[in-house]
Protein backbone atom coordinates (compact mmCIF):
# COMPACT_ATOMS: atom_id res chain seq x y z
CA MET A 1 -4.83 7.16 18.91
CA ARG A 2 -3.76 4.28 16.67
CA ARG A 3 -3.88 4.43 12.88
CA VAL A 4 -6.68 2.24 11.48
CA ALA A 5 -6.29 0.28 8.26
CA VAL A 6 -8.99 -1.15 6.00
CA THR A 7 -7.80 -4.63 5.09
CA GLY A 8 -10.94 -6.12 3.52
CA ALA A 9 -14.03 -4.95 1.70
CA GLY A 10 -17.14 -6.80 0.58
CA VAL A 11 -20.05 -5.56 -1.53
CA ILE A 12 -23.41 -6.90 -2.69
CA SER A 13 -25.02 -4.05 -4.61
CA PRO A 14 -26.92 -2.94 -7.71
CA LEU A 15 -23.51 -2.33 -9.30
CA GLY A 16 -22.15 -5.81 -8.68
CA SER A 17 -21.55 -8.60 -6.22
CA SER A 18 -18.01 -7.72 -5.19
CA ALA A 19 -16.14 -4.54 -4.37
CA ALA A 20 -14.12 -4.79 -7.58
CA GLU A 21 -17.18 -5.31 -9.78
CA ALA A 22 -19.08 -2.46 -8.13
CA TYR A 23 -16.12 -0.13 -8.60
CA ALA A 24 -15.64 -1.12 -12.23
CA ASN A 25 -19.27 -0.40 -13.06
CA ALA A 26 -19.26 2.88 -11.14
CA HIS A 27 -16.09 3.92 -12.99
CA ALA A 28 -17.68 3.02 -16.33
CA GLY A 29 -20.90 4.87 -15.50
CA CYS A 30 -23.06 1.73 -15.74
CA SER A 31 -26.33 2.28 -13.90
CA GLY A 32 -27.96 -0.31 -11.65
CA ILE A 33 -31.28 1.56 -11.73
CA HIS A 34 -34.12 -0.07 -13.68
CA ARG A 35 -37.87 -0.38 -14.04
CA ILE A 36 -39.54 -3.07 -11.99
CA GLU A 37 -42.18 -5.51 -13.06
CA GLY A 38 -44.45 -7.56 -10.85
CA ASP A 39 -47.65 -7.67 -8.92
CA PHE A 40 -47.45 -4.19 -7.44
CA ALA A 41 -45.50 -2.24 -10.09
CA HIS A 42 -48.70 -0.76 -11.53
CA ARG A 43 -49.53 0.70 -8.11
CA LEU A 44 -46.35 2.78 -7.95
CA LEU A 45 -46.15 6.28 -9.41
CA ALA A 46 -42.57 5.64 -10.49
CA PRO A 47 -41.79 1.89 -10.62
CA ILE A 48 -38.00 2.19 -10.59
CA VAL A 49 -35.45 0.82 -8.14
CA ALA A 50 -31.79 -0.13 -7.91
CA SER A 51 -31.91 -3.81 -7.00
CA VAL A 52 -29.40 -6.64 -6.65
CA ARG A 53 -30.46 -8.70 -9.64
CA SER A 54 -27.69 -11.32 -9.94
CA PHE A 55 -28.32 -12.86 -6.55
CA ASP A 56 -29.80 -16.21 -5.57
CA PRO A 57 -29.84 -16.65 -1.77
CA GLY A 58 -30.27 -20.40 -2.22
CA ASP A 59 -26.71 -20.53 -3.57
CA ALA A 60 -25.32 -19.05 -0.38
CA PHE A 61 -27.45 -20.42 2.45
CA ASP A 62 -28.98 -23.81 3.19
CA PRO A 63 -32.80 -23.95 3.53
CA PRO A 64 -33.01 -24.20 7.35
CA ARG A 65 -30.85 -21.12 7.78
CA LEU A 66 -32.44 -19.22 4.93
CA ARG A 67 -35.81 -19.44 6.68
CA MET A 68 -34.32 -17.28 9.45
CA LEU A 69 -32.67 -14.67 7.24
CA ASP A 70 -34.42 -11.61 5.88
CA ARG A 71 -32.89 -10.26 2.68
CA VAL A 72 -31.10 -7.55 4.70
CA SER A 73 -29.25 -10.20 6.73
CA GLN A 74 -28.39 -12.14 3.58
CA PHE A 75 -26.72 -9.06 2.10
CA ALA A 76 -24.86 -8.34 5.34
CA LEU A 77 -23.54 -11.88 5.72
CA LEU A 78 -22.32 -12.17 2.13
CA ALA A 79 -20.61 -8.77 2.18
CA ALA A 80 -18.93 -9.67 5.49
CA ARG A 81 -17.73 -13.02 4.10
CA GLN A 82 -16.08 -11.23 1.19
CA ALA A 83 -14.43 -8.67 3.46
CA VAL A 84 -13.08 -11.31 5.84
CA ALA A 85 -11.74 -13.40 2.94
CA GLU A 86 -9.93 -10.38 1.50
CA ALA A 87 -8.44 -9.48 4.88
CA GLY A 88 -6.67 -12.84 4.96
CA SER A 89 -5.49 -14.03 8.36
CA GLY A 90 -6.85 -11.03 10.28
CA LEU A 91 -9.44 -13.00 12.23
CA GLU A 92 -7.08 -15.90 12.84
CA ASP A 93 -4.48 -13.59 14.38
CA CYS A 94 -6.79 -11.72 16.75
CA ASP A 95 -8.34 -12.36 20.17
CA ARG A 96 -12.02 -12.94 19.35
CA LYS A 97 -12.99 -11.14 22.57
CA GLN A 98 -11.28 -8.05 21.14
CA ALA A 99 -13.16 -8.17 17.84
CA GLY A 100 -16.60 -6.69 17.20
CA VAL A 101 -19.31 -6.07 14.63
CA PHE A 102 -20.78 -2.66 13.80
CA VAL A 103 -23.68 -2.57 11.35
CA GLY A 104 -25.90 0.23 10.12
CA THR A 105 -29.41 -0.28 8.76
CA GLY A 106 -32.23 2.17 8.41
CA MET A 107 -35.19 -0.17 7.99
CA GLY A 108 -33.98 -3.61 9.14
CA GLY A 109 -36.04 -6.58 7.97
CA SER A 110 -38.76 -4.45 6.38
CA ILE A 111 -39.67 -7.06 3.74
CA SER A 112 -40.35 -9.71 6.40
CA ASN A 113 -42.37 -7.27 8.44
CA ASP A 114 -44.34 -6.26 5.35
CA GLU A 115 -45.09 -9.92 4.57
CA GLY A 116 -46.28 -10.44 8.14
CA TYR A 117 -48.67 -7.52 7.93
CA GLN A 118 -49.98 -8.77 4.60
CA THR A 119 -50.71 -12.17 6.17
CA LEU A 120 -52.32 -10.70 9.26
CA TYR A 121 -54.33 -7.86 7.75
CA GLY A 122 -54.49 -8.47 4.02
CA GLN A 123 -55.31 -12.18 4.21
CA ALA A 124 -56.96 -12.06 7.65
CA SER A 125 -54.84 -15.04 8.67
CA ASP A 126 -53.34 -15.68 12.09
CA ARG A 127 -50.57 -17.92 10.74
CA ILE A 128 -47.56 -15.59 11.01
CA LYS A 129 -44.13 -17.07 10.26
CA PRO A 130 -42.60 -18.32 13.52
CA TYR A 131 -39.35 -16.43 12.90
CA THR A 132 -40.97 -13.08 12.02
CA VAL A 133 -39.44 -11.27 14.99
CA LEU A 134 -35.97 -12.65 14.24
CA LEU A 135 -36.31 -11.86 10.55
CA GLY A 136 -37.45 -8.28 11.12
CA MET A 137 -35.36 -7.04 14.02
CA HIS A 138 -32.78 -4.39 13.17
CA ASN A 139 -29.90 -6.09 14.97
CA ALA A 140 -30.27 -9.40 13.12
CA PRO A 141 -27.55 -8.65 10.50
CA ALA A 142 -24.95 -7.82 13.16
CA ALA A 143 -25.93 -10.83 15.26
CA TRP A 144 -25.60 -13.24 12.33
CA ILE A 145 -22.19 -11.83 11.37
CA SER A 146 -20.95 -12.19 14.96
CA GLN A 147 -22.14 -15.80 15.09
CA GLU A 148 -20.76 -16.79 11.71
CA HIS A 149 -17.27 -15.47 12.49
CA GLY A 150 -17.20 -16.19 16.22
CA LEU A 151 -16.59 -12.59 17.27
CA LEU A 152 -17.13 -12.18 21.01
CA GLY A 153 -16.69 -8.42 21.36
CA PRO A 154 -19.43 -5.80 20.91
CA SER A 155 -22.15 -6.49 18.34
CA LEU A 156 -23.81 -3.12 17.75
CA THR A 157 -26.46 -1.85 15.37
CA TYR A 158 -26.92 1.79 14.38
CA SER A 159 -30.12 3.10 12.85
CA THR A 160 -29.74 6.76 11.91
CA ALA A 161 -31.54 6.54 8.57
CA CYS A 162 -29.30 7.39 5.61
CA SER A 163 -26.13 7.87 7.69
CA SER A 164 -26.44 4.54 9.55
CA SER A 165 -23.49 2.70 8.02
CA ALA A 166 -21.20 5.74 8.03
CA VAL A 167 -21.93 5.97 11.76
CA ALA A 168 -21.22 2.24 12.15
CA ILE A 169 -17.84 2.57 10.43
CA GLY A 170 -16.99 5.71 12.41
CA GLU A 171 -17.89 4.11 15.74
CA ALA A 172 -15.81 1.04 14.91
CA TRP A 173 -12.91 3.33 13.97
CA LEU A 174 -13.16 5.10 17.33
CA ARG A 175 -12.81 1.84 19.27
CA ILE A 176 -9.87 0.52 17.26
CA ALA A 177 -8.10 3.89 17.21
CA GLY A 178 -8.66 4.23 20.96
CA GLY A 179 -7.29 0.75 21.69
CA SER A 180 -10.40 -0.93 23.09
CA LEU A 181 -10.73 -3.30 20.09
CA ASP A 182 -8.24 -4.96 17.77
CA LEU A 183 -10.52 -5.79 14.86
CA ALA A 184 -13.97 -4.89 13.60
CA ILE A 185 -16.30 -5.81 10.78
CA ALA A 186 -18.17 -2.61 10.03
CA GLY A 187 -20.61 -1.46 7.38
CA GLY A 188 -24.28 -1.60 6.54
CA ALA A 189 -27.08 -3.47 4.83
CA GLU A 190 -30.53 -2.54 3.55
CA ALA A 191 -33.36 -4.34 1.76
CA PRO A 192 -36.19 -1.79 1.48
CA LEU A 193 -37.73 -2.74 -1.86
CA GLY A 194 -40.96 -4.30 -0.61
CA PHE A 195 -44.28 -2.79 -1.66
CA GLY A 196 -45.07 -1.20 1.70
CA SER A 197 -41.68 0.47 1.94
CA LEU A 198 -41.77 1.77 -1.64
CA LYS A 199 -45.23 3.26 -1.13
CA ALA A 200 -44.15 4.88 2.13
CA TRP A 201 -41.16 6.56 0.48
CA GLU A 202 -43.34 7.56 -2.43
CA ALA A 203 -45.71 9.30 -0.01
CA LEU A 204 -42.84 11.50 1.21
CA ARG A 205 -42.54 12.93 -2.33
CA THR A 206 -38.79 12.40 -2.41
CA VAL A 207 -38.69 9.65 -5.06
CA ALA A 208 -37.55 10.47 -8.59
CA ALA A 209 -39.81 10.52 -11.60
CA ILE A 210 -38.87 8.09 -14.36
CA ASP A 211 -36.64 9.64 -17.01
CA PRO A 212 -38.73 9.79 -20.22
CA VAL A 213 -35.84 8.59 -22.39
CA GLU A 214 -33.98 6.10 -20.20
CA ALA A 215 -35.21 4.77 -16.84
CA SER A 216 -31.66 4.01 -15.71
CA ALA A 217 -30.88 7.74 -15.86
CA SER A 218 -33.67 8.74 -13.46
CA CYS A 219 -31.38 9.77 -10.59
CA LYS A 220 -29.63 13.04 -11.43
CA PRO A 221 -27.65 14.51 -8.54
CA PHE A 222 -26.91 18.24 -8.82
CA ALA A 223 -28.72 18.53 -12.17
CA ARG A 224 -31.26 21.19 -13.01
CA ASP A 225 -33.76 18.49 -13.98
CA ARG A 226 -33.29 16.28 -10.89
CA SER A 227 -36.53 15.09 -9.33
CA GLY A 228 -35.52 12.94 -6.37
CA MET A 229 -33.83 9.76 -5.27
CA VAL A 230 -34.18 6.14 -6.35
CA LEU A 231 -34.31 3.49 -3.62
CA GLY A 232 -31.65 0.80 -3.72
CA GLU A 233 -30.68 -2.31 -1.78
CA GLY A 234 -27.53 -4.17 -0.85
CA GLY A 235 -24.74 -4.42 1.68
CA ALA A 236 -21.14 -3.32 2.11
CA MET A 237 -18.70 -4.33 4.86
CA LEU A 238 -15.14 -3.43 5.82
CA VAL A 239 -12.57 -5.14 8.02
CA LEU A 240 -10.78 -2.59 10.21
CA GLU A 241 -7.67 -3.24 12.27
CA PRO A 242 -4.70 -1.32 13.68
CA TRP A 243 -2.39 -0.13 10.93
CA ASP A 244 0.79 -1.48 12.53
CA HIS A 245 -0.74 -4.93 12.95
CA ALA A 246 -1.97 -5.01 9.36
CA VAL A 247 1.47 -4.05 8.05
CA SER A 248 3.29 -6.51 10.30
CA ARG A 249 1.23 -9.45 9.05
CA GLY A 250 1.59 -8.37 5.42
CA ALA A 251 -2.12 -7.72 4.94
CA PRO A 252 -3.41 -5.98 1.83
CA VAL A 253 -4.19 -2.41 2.94
CA LEU A 254 -7.03 -0.92 0.92
CA GLY A 255 -6.77 2.39 2.74
CA GLU A 256 -7.10 4.11 6.08
CA ILE A 257 -9.94 5.59 8.12
CA LEU A 258 -8.41 8.84 9.29
CA GLY A 259 -11.30 10.50 11.13
CA TYR A 260 -15.03 10.75 11.73
CA GLY A 261 -17.36 13.66 12.42
CA LEU A 262 -20.95 13.95 13.59
CA SER A 263 -23.49 16.73 13.89
CA THR A 264 -27.26 16.92 14.31
CA ASP A 265 -29.78 19.12 12.52
CA VAL A 266 -32.54 20.16 14.92
CA GLY A 267 -34.57 22.54 12.75
CA HIS A 268 -36.61 19.94 10.84
CA ILE A 269 -36.73 16.14 10.78
CA THR A 270 -36.31 15.87 6.99
CA ARG A 271 -35.03 19.24 5.77
CA PRO A 272 -31.22 19.41 5.51
CA SER A 273 -29.28 22.23 7.10
CA VAL A 274 -26.25 23.90 5.54
CA GLU A 275 -24.87 24.63 9.00
CA GLY A 276 -25.31 21.03 10.18
CA GLN A 277 -23.68 19.50 7.12
CA ALA A 278 -20.78 21.95 7.29
CA GLU A 279 -20.25 21.24 11.00
CA ALA A 280 -20.10 17.49 10.36
CA MET A 281 -17.35 18.04 7.78
CA ARG A 282 -15.45 20.35 10.14
CA ALA A 283 -15.81 17.84 12.99
CA ALA A 284 -14.41 15.09 10.75
CA LEU A 285 -11.41 17.24 9.84
CA ARG A 286 -10.78 18.03 13.52
CA SER A 287 -11.00 14.32 14.33
CA ALA A 288 -8.42 13.54 11.66
CA ALA A 289 -6.23 16.47 12.76
CA ILE A 290 -6.05 17.86 9.23
CA ALA A 291 -7.02 21.13 7.57
CA PRO A 292 -9.54 21.73 4.76
CA ALA A 293 -6.56 22.28 2.44
CA ASP A 294 -5.59 18.61 2.93
CA ILE A 295 -8.76 17.27 1.27
CA ASP A 296 -8.22 16.28 -2.36
CA MET A 297 -11.64 14.77 -3.27
CA ILE A 298 -15.15 14.52 -1.88
CA ASN A 299 -17.78 11.82 -2.09
CA ALA A 300 -21.06 13.73 -1.89
CA HIS A 301 -24.22 12.51 -0.21
CA GLY A 302 -25.79 13.63 -3.50
CA THR A 303 -29.32 12.26 -3.23
CA ALA A 304 -30.71 14.21 -6.23
CA THR A 305 -33.43 15.76 -4.08
CA LEU A 306 -34.00 19.46 -4.63
CA ALA A 307 -33.21 20.46 -1.03
CA ASN A 308 -30.20 18.26 -0.25
CA ASP A 309 -28.12 19.02 -3.33
CA LEU A 310 -28.40 22.78 -2.81
CA ALA A 311 -27.65 22.47 0.92
CA GLU A 312 -24.65 20.19 0.35
CA THR A 313 -23.22 22.52 -2.28
CA ALA A 314 -23.48 25.45 0.11
CA ALA A 315 -22.01 23.43 2.99
CA ILE A 316 -18.98 22.39 0.92
CA LYS A 317 -18.41 26.05 0.01
CA ALA A 318 -18.70 27.05 3.67
CA VAL A 319 -16.01 24.54 4.71
CA PHE A 320 -13.58 24.76 1.80
CA GLY A 321 -14.00 28.39 0.76
CA ALA A 322 -12.15 29.46 -2.36
CA ARG A 323 -10.82 25.91 -2.92
CA ALA A 324 -14.30 24.40 -3.19
CA PRO A 325 -14.65 24.79 -6.99
CA ARG A 326 -11.32 23.00 -7.54
CA ILE A 327 -12.12 19.84 -5.55
CA PRO A 328 -13.45 16.90 -7.60
CA ILE A 329 -16.80 15.77 -6.16
CA SER A 330 -18.49 12.45 -6.99
CA ALA A 331 -22.13 11.48 -6.41
CA THR A 332 -22.42 7.77 -7.15
CA LYS A 333 -26.08 7.44 -6.11
CA ALA A 334 -26.81 8.37 -9.71
CA LEU A 335 -25.76 4.78 -10.49
CA HIS A 336 -26.49 2.60 -7.46
CA GLY A 337 -29.43 4.49 -6.06
CA HIS A 338 -29.91 5.32 -2.39
CA LEU A 339 -29.17 2.30 -0.21
CA LEU A 340 -30.39 4.22 2.87
CA GLY A 341 -28.66 2.61 5.86
CA ALA A 342 -26.09 0.90 3.62
CA ALA A 343 -25.31 3.93 1.44
CA GLY A 344 -22.43 5.30 3.50
CA ALA A 345 -20.63 1.94 3.58
CA LEU A 346 -20.96 1.32 -0.16
CA GLU A 347 -19.76 4.84 -0.92
CA CYS A 348 -16.86 4.42 1.51
CA VAL A 349 -15.71 1.32 -0.38
CA LEU A 350 -16.08 3.03 -3.76
CA SER A 351 -14.17 6.06 -2.45
CA LEU A 352 -11.27 3.97 -1.12
CA LEU A 353 -11.02 2.18 -4.47
CA ALA A 354 -11.11 5.49 -6.35
CA LEU A 355 -8.19 6.70 -4.23
CA ARG A 356 -6.34 3.45 -4.89
CA HIS A 357 -6.89 3.61 -8.65
CA GLY A 358 -6.12 7.30 -9.08
CA ALA A 359 -9.55 8.26 -10.42
CA ALA A 360 -12.50 10.46 -9.59
CA LEU A 361 -15.78 8.59 -10.09
CA PRO A 362 -18.41 10.21 -12.30
CA THR A 363 -21.61 11.95 -11.32
CA MET A 364 -23.76 10.59 -14.12
CA HIS A 365 -26.75 12.15 -15.89
CA LEU A 366 -25.46 15.67 -15.14
CA ARG A 367 -26.13 17.16 -18.56
CA SER A 368 -27.91 20.28 -17.36
CA PRO A 369 -26.28 21.55 -14.16
CA ASP A 370 -28.31 23.45 -11.61
CA PRO A 371 -26.92 27.02 -11.41
CA GLY A 372 -27.13 26.71 -7.62
CA CYS A 373 -24.93 23.59 -7.72
CA ASP A 374 -21.85 25.07 -9.34
CA LEU A 375 -18.94 22.95 -8.09
CA ASP A 376 -16.82 20.35 -9.90
CA TYR A 377 -19.10 17.29 -9.81
CA VAL A 378 -17.02 15.22 -12.30
CA PRO A 379 -19.92 15.14 -14.78
CA ASN A 380 -20.81 12.09 -16.87
CA ALA A 381 -17.41 10.36 -17.07
CA ALA A 382 -14.71 9.22 -14.68
CA ARG A 383 -11.63 11.42 -14.47
CA GLU A 384 -8.32 9.59 -14.70
CA GLY A 385 -4.99 10.55 -13.17
CA VAL A 386 -6.51 12.03 -10.02
CA TRP A 387 -3.93 10.65 -7.59
CA ALA A 388 -5.58 12.06 -4.50
CA ARG A 389 -4.35 11.15 -1.04
CA THR A 390 -7.17 12.18 1.28
CA MET A 391 -10.92 12.60 0.82
CA ILE A 392 -14.13 12.86 2.79
CA SER A 393 -17.32 10.87 2.32
CA ASN A 394 -20.56 12.60 3.34
CA SER A 395 -23.67 10.89 4.71
CA PHE A 396 -26.63 13.02 5.79
CA ALA A 397 -29.91 11.65 7.12
CA PHE A 398 -33.57 12.13 7.86
CA GLY A 399 -33.74 12.69 11.59
CA GLY A 400 -30.78 15.04 11.34
CA THR A 401 -27.77 12.77 11.98
CA ASN A 402 -24.93 13.96 9.74
CA ALA A 403 -21.84 11.72 9.53
CA VAL A 404 -18.61 12.30 7.61
CA LEU A 405 -15.70 9.88 7.21
CA VAL A 406 -12.16 10.98 6.37
CA LEU A 407 -10.38 8.46 4.16
CA ARG A 408 -6.74 8.18 3.20
CA ALA A 409 -5.30 6.20 0.32
CA GLY A 410 -3.36 3.01 0.73
CA SER A 411 -0.63 2.19 -1.74
CA PRO A 412 -1.75 3.09 -5.28
CA VAL A 413 -2.10 0.22 -7.74
CA LEU A 414 0.51 -0.06 -10.50
CA GLN A 415 2.69 2.39 -8.60
CA GLU A 416 5.98 0.97 -9.87
CA THR A 417 5.09 0.87 -13.56
CA GLN A 418 3.37 4.25 -13.42
CA GLY A 419 5.96 5.91 -11.23
CA ARG A 420 3.47 6.85 -8.55
CA PRO A 421 4.60 7.55 -4.97
CA LYS A 422 3.84 5.05 -2.27
CA PHE A 423 1.66 6.79 0.30
CA PRO A 424 2.68 6.11 3.91
């Protein structure tokens, strides 16, 4: 198995329109969650979302192409462009037949589909947009990325609900580590903030109530007063390539994908299982050939639902035993909301940057901890000087697909002036 480096990262998210901006806002505890206004806001029980507000698709795509791009594909393409630009000459140096695209999305082009249904049923019109199928299909983001960058290898889409993009990154890692590919663009995109989608999630009774003091604080992972998740949108993409190749061409190495674990809950389609989550973490550690004692930080799935946060706490204890209370754990969905199929990719990028900057990102709005969630969740402020080397990032999903990525730090920033070691 070859070592796999991350040489580029791109982000379009509620926290910012680049990886650096998203990390800076996550580190500062700045929330991207807000109230929404508009035609259907009054029909929602809790009109709050985490949206990408500083984004004009007309600035990035010409009108003929834009007519064929659902918002989910727009996010995917822009995040991939950023990642490829950061990776430098990676694409130029590789055989395009040995390069692929791996994208996760839970709901695909749901906004375009919703608009089509509104035309057909709400307006009783037969004039559906001619590109509705292309706009709505789940594999559109991956297809557009492959076309834009001329990648002739596999173009694959994974739809495992909230773990979709973690699965996409893990599957890309497997192929590069195993030698069947030499480069991959991997990540996820989601644009679920149409009226139909918001009402459907609302009907599941998993969406947070609006905080009575500050709407931006409505998502409260691991808190006693948590009431559910807040839906978000955006995209995050990574460029993966063999470590030796990245080093030989002098590429900037953001970090390393060290391993990947999967498990499936079969007891209930929405209820999380302690055993399933714990097995996914153990499988990831086995994949990376490391022990629980080697994990220095954890990015939690941390949805702020009553069931998941308790189950995840118990699963972490089951895997890490007596060390569990001493491991810093971050739940960034408190700030960027739940990006569903794109959540794992965004959190992977934020985790790699936290490793690189020697910090543990905060779990915001955790002023009243749940007694059943009694681990070190880095409450309410980033923790500096946490020069961790290895961490896991958890992604657990409706449908039961649990995915865990093992991440290792690249070279820390400011290592010479701060006297930090250079990680191999």
